[in-house]
Amino acid sequence: MVEQINNFMPIGFSGYWIALDSTECDSPYPTFVVDLKKHGEAQIPFWPEETTYYLASDSLSDESHPYRKWCDTENTAMNFSNFKHYIETLNVNS
C-alpha cells in the first residue's frame, strides 16, 4: 500500500495526514481513500462494515468546524510521514 502511494504523492508527503476509522469489523480488506483536493472541506467517508483509512492534505478544513483543519479535529489523524515510518517498521519486524 505504502509503495503504491509513493508513486503519486509529493516527495516526503509534506502536508499530508492520515486518519484511521477505529470501527471493529470482520473484513480483512481495509478501504483506503485518497483525497487529492488542495482546498475545501475534508469529507471523511468511514463505513461501519470495514476499516477505512483517509489520506488528505492538511490544508483541508473540517466539515463541522470550517475554521479548523480536519487533521486537528480528527483524533486518529497522524502525519503521513509518521504513518509510513510506522508501517515500514512493522514490515521489518515481521
PDB file of N, CA and C in Angstrom:
ATOM      1  N   MET A   1       0.819  -1.185   0.000  1.00  0.00           N
ATOM      2  CA  MET A   1       0.000   0.000   0.000  1.00  0.00           C
ATOM      3  C   MET A   1       0.867   1.254   0.000  1.00  0.00           C
ATOM      4  N   VAL A   2       1.835   1.309   0.928  1.00  0.00           N
ATOM      5  CA  VAL A   2       2.684   2.494   1.034  1.00  0.00           C
ATOM      6  C   VAL A   2       3.472   2.697  -0.252  1.00  0.00           C
ATOM      7  N   GLU A   3       3.941   1.615  -0.861  1.00  0.00           N
ATOM      8  CA  GLU A   3       4.709   1.729  -2.105  1.00  0.00           C
ATOM      9  C   GLU A   3       3.854   2.316  -3.235  1.00  0.00           C
ATOM     10  N   GLN A   4       2.606   1.922  -3.322  1.00  0.00           N
ATOM     11  CA  GLN A   4       1.710   2.465  -4.350  1.00  0.00           C
ATOM     12  C   GLN A   4       1.473   3.953  -4.141  1.00  0.00           C
ATOM     13  N   ILE A   5       1.331   4.356  -2.897  1.00  0.00           N
ATOM     14  CA  ILE A   5       1.126   5.777  -2.600  1.00  0.00           C
ATOM     15  C   ILE A   5       2.379   6.575  -2.948  1.00  0.00           C
ATOM     16  N   ASN A   6       3.543   5.991  -2.728  1.00  0.00           N
ATOM     17  CA  ASN A   6       4.808   6.653  -3.068  1.00  0.00           C
ATOM     18  C   ASN A   6       4.850   7.081  -4.529  1.00  0.00           C
ATOM     19  N   ASN A   7       4.170   6.354  -5.390  1.00  0.00           N
ATOM     20  CA  ASN A   7       4.219   6.625  -6.827  1.00  0.00           C
ATOM     21  C   ASN A   7       3.512   7.903  -7.251  1.00  0.00           C
ATOM     22  N   PHE A   8       2.551   8.397  -6.461  1.00  0.00           N
ATOM     23  CA  PHE A   8       1.835   9.590  -6.910  1.00  0.00           C
ATOM     24  C   PHE A   8       1.755  10.713  -5.892  1.00  0.00           C
ATOM     25  N   MET A   9       2.324  10.541  -4.712  1.00  0.00           N
ATOM     26  CA  MET A   9       2.289  11.592  -3.707  1.00  0.00           C
ATOM     27  C   MET A   9       3.561  12.438  -3.782  1.00  0.00           C
ATOM     28  N   PRO A  10       3.509  13.658  -3.271  1.00  0.00           N
ATOM     29  CA  PRO A  10       4.698  14.508  -3.274  1.00  0.00           C
ATOM     30  C   PRO A  10       5.823  13.890  -2.452  1.00  0.00           C
ATOM     31  N   ILE A  11       7.041  14.166  -2.827  1.00  0.00           N
ATOM     32  CA  ILE A  11       8.194  13.645  -2.102  1.00  0.00           C
ATOM     33  C   ILE A  11       8.110  14.081  -0.645  1.00  0.00           C
ATOM     34  N   GLY A  12       8.265  13.117   0.239  1.00  0.00           N
ATOM     35  CA  GLY A  12       8.228  13.397   1.664  1.00  0.00           C
ATOM     36  C   GLY A  12       6.826  13.506   2.242  1.00  0.00           C
ATOM     37  N   PHE A  13       5.802  13.489   1.403  1.00  0.00           N
ATOM     38  CA  PHE A  13       4.417  13.573   1.857  1.00  0.00           C
ATOM     39  C   PHE A  13       4.163  14.782   2.739  1.00  0.00           C
ATOM     40  N   SER A  14       4.887  15.826   2.488  1.00  0.00           N
ATOM     41  CA  SER A  14       4.753  17.036   3.301  1.00  0.00           C
ATOM     42  C   SER A  14       3.330  17.564   3.242  1.00  0.00           C
ATOM     43  N   GLY A  15       2.752  17.785   4.400  1.00  0.00           N
ATOM     44  CA  GLY A  15       1.419  18.359   4.463  1.00  0.00           C
ATOM     45  C   GLY A  15       0.290  17.365   4.328  1.00  0.00           C
ATOM     46  N   TYR A  16       0.575  16.062   4.332  1.00  0.00           N
ATOM     47  CA  TYR A  16      -0.479  15.063   4.235  1.00  0.00           C
ATOM     48  C   TYR A  16      -0.627  14.326   5.555  1.00  0.00           C
ATOM     49  N   TRP A  17      -1.882  14.092   5.934  1.00  0.00           N
ATOM     50  CA  TRP A  17      -2.205  13.396   7.166  1.00  0.00           C
ATOM     51  C   TRP A  17      -3.117  12.232   6.848  1.00  0.00           C
ATOM     52  N   ILE A  18      -3.098  11.225   7.724  1.00  0.00           N
ATOM     53  CA  ILE A  18      -3.948  10.052   7.535  1.00  0.00           C
ATOM     54  C   ILE A  18      -4.762   9.826   8.799  1.00  0.00           C
ATOM     55  N   ALA A  19      -5.979   9.383   8.631  1.00  0.00           N
ATOM     56  CA  ALA A  19      -6.848   9.056   9.760  1.00  0.00           C
ATOM     57  C   ALA A  19      -7.351   7.629   9.578  1.00  0.00           C
ATOM     58  N   LEU A  20      -7.505   6.939  10.683  1.00  0.00           N
ATOM     59  CA  LEU A  20      -7.990   5.569  10.677  1.00  0.00           C
ATOM     60  C   LEU A  20      -9.304   5.498  11.425  1.00  0.00           C
ATOM     61  N   ASP A  21     -10.285   4.899  10.780  1.00  0.00           N
ATOM     62  CA  ASP A  21     -11.552   4.639  11.457  1.00  0.00           C
ATOM     63  C   ASP A  21     -11.317   3.458  12.384  1.00  0.00           C
ATOM     64  N   SER A  22     -11.609   3.620  13.648  1.00  0.00           N
ATOM     65  CA  SER A  22     -11.317   2.579  14.633  1.00  0.00           C
ATOM     66  C   SER A  22     -12.462   1.589  14.816  1.00  0.00           C
ATOM     67  N   THR A  23     -13.405   1.569  13.897  1.00  0.00           N
ATOM     68  CA  THR A  23     -14.525   0.649  13.983  1.00  0.00           C
ATOM     69  C   THR A  23     -14.032  -0.793  13.898  1.00  0.00           C
ATOM     70  N   GLU A  24     -14.470  -1.600  14.830  1.00  0.00           N
ATOM     71  CA  GLU A  24     -14.145  -3.027  14.776  1.00  0.00           C
ATOM     72  C   GLU A  24     -14.962  -3.675  13.666  1.00  0.00           C
ATOM     73  N   CYS A  25     -14.301  -4.476  12.838  1.00  0.00           N
ATOM     74  CA  CYS A  25     -15.021  -5.154  11.774  1.00  0.00           C
ATOM     75  C   CYS A  25     -14.345  -6.473  11.463  1.00  0.00           C
ATOM     76  N   ASP A  26     -15.044  -7.322  10.744  1.00  0.00           N
ATOM     77  CA  ASP A  26     -14.537  -8.652  10.411  1.00  0.00           C
ATOM     78  C   ASP A  26     -13.822  -8.696   9.071  1.00  0.00           C
ATOM     79  N   SER A  27     -13.928  -7.661   8.280  1.00  0.00           N
ATOM     80  CA  SER A  27     -13.341  -7.656   6.946  1.00  0.00           C
ATOM     81  C   SER A  27     -11.813  -7.541   7.017  1.00  0.00           C
ATOM     82  N   PRO A  28     -11.105  -8.444   6.331  1.00  0.00           N
ATOM     83  CA  PRO A  28      -9.639  -8.360   6.304  1.00  0.00           C
ATOM     84  C   PRO A  28      -9.116  -7.329   5.307  1.00  0.00           C
ATOM     85  N   TYR A  29     -10.017  -6.728   4.530  1.00  0.00           N
ATOM     86  CA  TYR A  29      -9.617  -5.791   3.490  1.00  0.00           C
ATOM     87  C   TYR A  29     -10.043  -4.375   3.837  1.00  0.00           C
ATOM     88  N   PRO A  30      -9.086  -3.521   4.182  1.00  0.00           N
ATOM     89  CA  PRO A  30      -9.450  -2.138   4.502  1.00  0.00           C
ATOM     90  C   PRO A  30      -9.726  -1.328   3.238  1.00  0.00           C
ATOM     91  N   THR A  31     -10.443  -0.239   3.416  1.00  0.00           N
ATOM     92  CA  THR A  31     -10.666   0.722   2.348  1.00  0.00           C
ATOM     93  C   THR A  31      -9.683   1.861   2.554  1.00  0.00           C
ATOM     94  N   PHE A  32      -9.021   2.271   1.478  1.00  0.00           N
ATOM     95  CA  PHE A  32      -8.049   3.351   1.543  1.00  0.00           C
ATOM     96  C   PHE A  32      -8.528   4.455   0.617  1.00  0.00           C
ATOM     97  N   VAL A  33      -8.872   5.619   1.197  1.00  0.00           N
ATOM     98  CA  VAL A  33      -9.405   6.744   0.432  1.00  0.00           C
ATOM     99  C   VAL A  33      -8.358   7.846   0.383  1.00  0.00           C
ATOM    100  N   VAL A  34      -8.004   8.267  -0.826  1.00  0.00           N
ATOM    101  CA  VAL A  34      -7.048   9.363  -1.004  1.00  0.00           C
ATOM    102  C   VAL A  34      -7.812  10.555  -1.554  1.00  0.00           C
ATOM    103  N   ASP A  35      -7.790  11.648  -0.805  1.00  0.00           N
ATOM    104  CA  ASP A  35      -8.464  12.886  -1.200  1.00  0.00           C
ATOM    105  C   ASP A  35      -7.391  13.842  -1.714  1.00  0.00           C
ATOM    106  N   LEU A  36      -7.371  14.087  -3.003  1.00  0.00           N
ATOM    107  CA  LEU A  36      -6.312  14.888  -3.622  1.00  0.00           C
ATOM    108  C   LEU A  36      -6.628  16.378  -3.694  1.00  0.00           C
ATOM    109  N   LYS A  37      -7.765  16.785  -3.106  1.00  0.00           N
ATOM    110  CA  LYS A  37      -8.103  18.211  -3.119  1.00  0.00           C
ATOM    111  C   LYS A  37      -7.064  18.999  -2.330  1.00  0.00           C
ATOM    112  N   LYS A  38      -6.817  20.216  -2.763  1.00  0.00           N
ATOM    113  CA  LYS A  38      -5.905  21.114  -2.054  1.00  0.00           C
ATOM    114  C   LYS A  38      -6.656  22.141  -1.215  1.00  0.00           C
ATOM    115  N   HIS A  39      -7.945  22.366  -1.535  1.00  0.00           N
ATOM    116  CA  HIS A  39      -8.756  23.376  -0.845  1.00  0.00           C
ATOM    117  C   HIS A  39     -10.144  22.808  -0.598  1.00  0.00           C
ATOM    118  N   GLY A  40     -10.814  23.359   0.386  1.00  0.00           N
ATOM    119  CA  GLY A  40     -12.183  22.951   0.679  1.00  0.00           C
ATOM    120  C   GLY A  40     -12.264  22.157   1.967  1.00  0.00           C
ATOM    121  N   GLU A  41     -13.327  21.372   2.081  1.00  0.00           N
ATOM    122  CA  GLU A  41     -13.575  20.606   3.284  1.00  0.00           C
ATOM    123  C   GLU A  41     -13.205  19.142   3.088  1.00  0.00           C
ATOM    124  N   ALA A  42     -12.676  18.551   4.139  1.00  0.00           N
ATOM    125  CA  ALA A  42     -12.425  17.117   4.140  1.00  0.00           C
ATOM    126  C   ALA A  42     -13.749  16.404   4.349  1.00  0.00           C
ATOM    127  N   GLN A  43     -13.996  15.392   3.579  1.00  0.00           N
ATOM    128  CA  GLN A  43     -15.209  14.589   3.732  1.00  0.00           C
ATOM    129  C   GLN A  43     -14.771  13.153   3.964  1.00  0.00           C
ATOM    130  N   ILE A  44     -14.625  12.814   5.227  1.00  0.00           N
ATOM    131  CA  ILE A  44     -14.065  11.521   5.614  1.00  0.00           C
ATOM    132  C   ILE A  44     -15.156  10.449   5.529  1.00  0.00           C
ATOM    133  N   PRO A  45     -15.036   9.524   4.578  1.00  0.00           N
ATOM    134  CA  PRO A  45     -16.075   8.520   4.367  1.00  0.00           C
ATOM    135  C   PRO A  45     -15.812   7.229   5.144  1.00  0.00           C
ATOM    136  N   PHE A  46     -16.125   7.196   6.422  1.00  0.00           N
ATOM    137  CA  PHE A  46     -15.938   5.973   7.194  1.00  0.00           C
ATOM    138  C   PHE A  46     -17.183   5.103   7.086  1.00  0.00           C
ATOM    139  N   TRP A  47     -16.967   3.833   6.773  1.00  0.00           N
ATOM    140  CA  TRP A  47     -18.062   2.884   6.642  1.00  0.00           C
ATOM    141  C   TRP A  47     -17.987   1.886   7.789  1.00  0.00           C
ATOM    142  N   PRO A  48     -19.091   1.598   8.427  1.00  0.00           N
ATOM    143  CA  PRO A  48     -19.068   0.744   9.613  1.00  0.00           C
ATOM    144  C   PRO A  48     -18.665  -0.703   9.344  1.00  0.00           C
ATOM    145  N   GLU A  49     -18.807  -1.179   8.119  1.00  0.00           N
ATOM    146  CA  GLU A  49     -18.527  -2.587   7.854  1.00  0.00           C
ATOM    147  C   GLU A  49     -17.070  -2.874   7.468  1.00  0.00           C
ATOM    148  N   GLU A  50     -16.250  -1.853   7.364  1.00  0.00           N
ATOM    149  CA  GLU A  50     -14.847  -2.082   7.007  1.00  0.00           C
ATOM    150  C   GLU A  50     -13.956  -1.002   7.598  1.00  0.00           C
ATOM    151  N   THR A  51     -12.700  -1.365   7.796  1.00  0.00           N
ATOM    152  CA  THR A  51     -11.718  -0.402   8.273  1.00  0.00           C
ATOM    153  C   THR A  51     -11.425   0.587   7.150  1.00  0.00           C
ATOM    154  N   THR A  52     -11.398   1.857   7.465  1.00  0.00           N
ATOM    155  CA  THR A  52     -11.201   2.883   6.457  1.00  0.00           C
ATOM    156  C   THR A  52     -10.023   3.777   6.823  1.00  0.00           C
ATOM    157  N   TYR A  53      -9.114   3.957   5.888  1.00  0.00           N
ATOM    158  CA  TYR A  53      -8.027   4.926   6.022  1.00  0.00           C
ATOM    159  C   TYR A  53      -8.358   6.107   5.119  1.00  0.00           C
ATOM    160  N   TYR A  54      -8.136   7.303   5.600  1.00  0.00           N
ATOM    161  CA  TYR A  54      -8.406   8.516   4.826  1.00  0.00           C
ATOM    162  C   TYR A  54      -7.135   9.345   4.787  1.00  0.00           C
ATOM    163  N   LEU A  55      -6.623   9.613   3.596  1.00  0.00           N
ATOM    164  CA  LEU A  55      -5.394  10.376   3.394  1.00  0.00           C
ATOM    165  C   LEU A  55      -5.736  11.663   2.669  1.00  0.00           C
ATOM    166  N   ALA A  56      -5.327  12.810   3.251  1.00  0.00           N
ATOM    167  CA  ALA A  56      -5.655  14.094   2.635  1.00  0.00           C
ATOM    168  C   ALA A  56      -4.663  15.165   3.075  1.00  0.00           C
ATOM    169  N   SER A  57      -4.665  16.238   2.342  1.00  0.00           N
ATOM    170  CA  SER A  57      -3.821  17.384   2.653  1.00  0.00           C
ATOM    171  C   SER A  57      -4.263  18.032   3.959  1.00  0.00           C
ATOM    172  N   ASP A  58      -3.300  18.555   4.696  1.00  0.00           N
ATOM    173  CA  ASP A  58      -3.642  19.244   5.939  1.00  0.00           C
ATOM    174  C   ASP A  58      -4.243  20.627   5.679  1.00  0.00           C
ATOM    175  N   SER A  59      -4.346  21.019   4.423  1.00  0.00           N
ATOM    176  CA  SER A  59      -4.943  22.318   4.103  1.00  0.00           C
ATOM    177  C   SER A  59      -6.471  22.264   4.062  1.00  0.00           C
ATOM    178  N   LEU A  60      -7.045  21.060   4.091  1.00  0.00           N
ATOM    179  CA  LEU A  60      -8.498  20.932   4.060  1.00  0.00           C
ATOM    180  C   LEU A  60      -9.086  21.244   5.431  1.00  0.00           C
ATOM    181  N   SER A  61     -10.267  21.827   5.425  1.00  0.00           N
ATOM    182  CA  SER A  61     -10.917  22.179   6.694  1.00  0.00           C
ATOM    183  C   SER A  61     -11.855  21.059   7.135  1.00  0.00           C
ATOM    184  N   ASP A  62     -12.238  21.123   8.393  1.00  0.00           N
ATOM    185  CA  ASP A  62     -13.180  20.174   8.971  1.00  0.00           C
ATOM    186  C   ASP A  62     -14.594  20.545   8.527  1.00  0.00           C
ATOM    187  N   GLU A  63     -15.412  19.548   8.184  1.00  0.00           N
ATOM    188  CA  GLU A  63     -16.795  19.809   7.743  1.00  0.00           C
ATOM    189  C   GLU A  63     -17.607  20.538   8.809  1.00  0.00           C
ATOM    190  N   SER A  64     -17.451  20.121  10.048  1.00  0.00           N
ATOM    191  CA  SER A  64     -18.246  20.683  11.142  1.00  0.00           C
ATOM    192  C   SER A  64     -17.679  21.973  11.701  1.00  0.00           C
ATOM    193  N   HIS A  65     -16.377  22.172  11.511  1.00  0.00           N
ATOM    194  CA  HIS A  65     -15.693  23.358  12.029  1.00  0.00           C
ATOM    195  C   HIS A  65     -14.815  23.940  10.924  1.00  0.00           C
ATOM    196  N   PRO A  66     -15.384  24.670   9.971  1.00  0.00           N
ATOM    197  CA  PRO A  66     -14.659  25.130   8.791  1.00  0.00           C
ATOM    198  C   PRO A  66     -13.441  26.002   9.086  1.00  0.00           C
ATOM    199  N   TYR A  67     -13.353  26.550  10.273  1.00  0.00           N
ATOM    200  CA  TYR A  67     -12.219  27.391  10.642  1.00  0.00           C
ATOM    201  C   TYR A  67     -11.042  26.557  11.170  1.00  0.00           C
ATOM    202  N   ARG A  68     -11.224  25.231  11.289  1.00  0.00           N
ATOM    203  CA  ARG A  68     -10.163  24.354  11.782  1.00  0.00           C
ATOM    204  C   ARG A  68      -9.768  23.351  10.707  1.00  0.00           C
ATOM    205  N   LYS A  69      -8.514  22.900  10.737  1.00  0.00           N
ATOM    206  CA  LYS A  69      -8.053  21.858   9.825  1.00  0.00           C
ATOM    207  C   LYS A  69      -8.659  20.524  10.238  1.00  0.00           C
ATOM    208  N   TRP A  70      -8.968  19.697   9.245  1.00  0.00           N
ATOM    209  CA  TRP A  70      -9.585  18.403   9.534  1.00  0.00           C
ATOM    210  C   TRP A  70      -8.691  17.551  10.415  1.00  0.00           C
ATOM    211  N   CYS A  71      -7.381  17.633  10.190  1.00  0.00           N
ATOM    212  CA  CYS A  71      -6.453  16.781  10.936  1.00  0.00           C
ATOM    213  C   CYS A  71      -6.281  17.245  12.380  1.00  0.00           C
ATOM    214  N   ASP A  72      -6.711  18.456  12.690  1.00  0.00           N
ATOM    215  CA  ASP A  72      -6.672  18.938  14.073  1.00  0.00           C
ATOM    216  C   ASP A  72      -7.883  18.466  14.866  1.00  0.00           C
ATOM    217  N   THR A  73      -8.971  18.157  14.184  1.00  0.00           N
ATOM    218  CA  THR A  73     -10.182  17.739  14.886  1.00  0.00           C
ATOM    219  C   THR A  73     -10.387  16.224  14.866  1.00  0.00           C
ATOM    220  N   GLU A  74      -9.740  15.529  13.949  1.00  0.00           N
ATOM    221  CA  GLU A  74      -9.875  14.071  13.858  1.00  0.00           C
ATOM    222  C   GLU A  74      -8.867  13.430  14.811  1.00  0.00           C
ATOM    223  N   ASN A  75      -9.367  12.767  15.862  1.00  0.00           N
ATOM    224  CA  ASN A  75      -8.466  12.274  16.915  1.00  0.00           C
ATOM    225  C   ASN A  75      -7.580  11.112  16.496  1.00  0.00           C
ATOM    226  N   THR A  76      -7.845  10.480  15.362  1.00  0.00           N
ATOM    227  CA  THR A  76      -6.969   9.397  14.910  1.00  0.00           C
ATOM    228  C   THR A  76      -5.960   9.853  13.848  1.00  0.00           C
ATOM    229  N   ALA A  77      -5.988  11.123  13.495  1.00  0.00           N
ATOM    230  CA  ALA A  77      -5.116  11.615  12.416  1.00  0.00           C
ATOM    231  C   ALA A  77      -3.658  11.677  12.863  1.00  0.00           C
ATOM    232  N   MET A  78      -2.786  11.286  11.952  1.00  0.00           N
ATOM    233  CA  MET A  78      -1.351  11.423  12.183  1.00  0.00           C
ATOM    234  C   MET A  78      -0.683  11.831  10.880  1.00  0.00           C
ATOM    235  N   ASN A  79       0.434  12.497  10.993  1.00  0.00           N
ATOM    236  CA  ASN A  79       1.202  12.905   9.829  1.00  0.00           C
ATOM    237  C   ASN A  79       1.526  11.663   9.011  1.00  0.00           C
ATOM    238  N   PHE A  80       1.359  11.747   7.682  1.00  0.00           N
ATOM    239  CA  PHE A  80       1.556  10.560   6.856  1.00  0.00           C
ATOM    240  C   PHE A  80       2.995  10.063   6.881  1.00  0.00           C
ATOM    241  N   SER A  81       3.950  10.939   7.016  1.00  0.00           N
ATOM    242  CA  SER A  81       5.351  10.502   7.114  1.00  0.00           C
ATOM    243  C   SER A  81       5.541   9.600   8.326  1.00  0.00           C
ATOM    244  N   ASN A  82       4.905   9.946   9.453  1.00  0.00           N
ATOM    245  CA  ASN A  82       4.988   9.111  10.647  1.00  0.00           C
ATOM    246  C   ASN A  82       4.293   7.765  10.431  1.00  0.00           C
ATOM    247  N   PHE A  83       3.138   7.799   9.765  1.00  0.00           N
ATOM    248  CA  PHE A  83       2.417   6.566   9.462  1.00  0.00           C
ATOM    249  C   PHE A  83       3.263   5.671   8.564  1.00  0.00           C
ATOM    250  N   LYS A  84       3.866   6.253   7.555  1.00  0.00           N
ATOM    251  CA  LYS A  84       4.709   5.499   6.626  1.00  0.00           C
ATOM    252  C   LYS A  84       5.871   4.847   7.374  1.00  0.00           C
ATOM    253  N   HIS A  85       6.503   5.595   8.243  1.00  0.00           N
ATOM    254  CA  HIS A  85       7.612   5.048   9.034  1.00  0.00           C
ATOM    255  C   HIS A  85       7.122   3.895   9.913  1.00  0.00           C
ATOM    256  N   TYR A  86       5.958   4.056  10.528  1.00  0.00           N
ATOM    257  CA  TYR A  86       5.377   3.012  11.373  1.00  0.00           C
ATOM    258  C   TYR A  86       5.137   1.729  10.572  1.00  0.00           C
ATOM    259  N   ILE A  87       4.548   1.831   9.383  1.00  0.00           N
ATOM    260  CA  ILE A  87       4.283   0.670   8.527  1.00  0.00           C
ATOM    261  C   ILE A  87       5.585   0.000   8.113  1.00  0.00           C
ATOM    262  N   GLU A  88       6.582   0.794   7.742  1.00  0.00           N
ATOM    263  CA  GLU A  88       7.871   0.227   7.339  1.00  0.00           C
ATOM    264  C   GLU A  88       8.518  -0.513   8.510  1.00  0.00           C
ATOM    265  N   THR A  89       8.369   0.010   9.720  1.00  0.00           N
ATOM    266  CA  THR A  89       8.911  -0.646  10.912  1.00  0.00           C
ATOM    267  C   THR A  89       8.201  -1.980  11.148  1.00  0.00           C
ATOM    268  N   LEU A  90       6.885  -2.018  10.964  1.00  0.00           N
ATOM    269  CA  LEU A  90       6.149  -3.268  11.121  1.00  0.00           C
ATOM    270  C   LEU A  90       6.610  -4.312  10.109  1.00  0.00           C
ATOM    271  N   ASN A  91       6.850  -3.884   8.869  1.00  0.00           N
ATOM    272  CA  ASN A  91       7.293  -4.812   7.822  1.00  0.00           C
ATOM    273  C   ASN A  91       8.674  -5.369   8.122  1.00  0.00           C
ATOM    274  N   VAL A  92       9.566  -4.575   8.694  1.00  0.00           N
ATOM    275  CA  VAL A  92      10.923  -5.030   9.013  1.00  0.00           C
ATOM    276  C   VAL A  92      10.884  -6.027  10.157  1.00  0.00           C
ATOM    277  N   ASN A  93      10.027  -5.777  11.134  1.00  0.00           N
ATOM    278  CA  ASN A  93       9.958  -6.618  12.323  1.00  0.00           C
ATOM    279  C   ASN A  93       9.140  -7.896  12.139  1.00  0.00           C
ATOM    280  N   SER A  94       8.454  -8.039  11.018  1.00  0.00           N
ATOM    281  CA  SER A  94       7.622  -9.239  10.846  1.00  0.00           C
ATOM    282  C   SER A  94       8.316 -10.288  10.013  1.00  0.00           C
TER     283      SER A  94
END
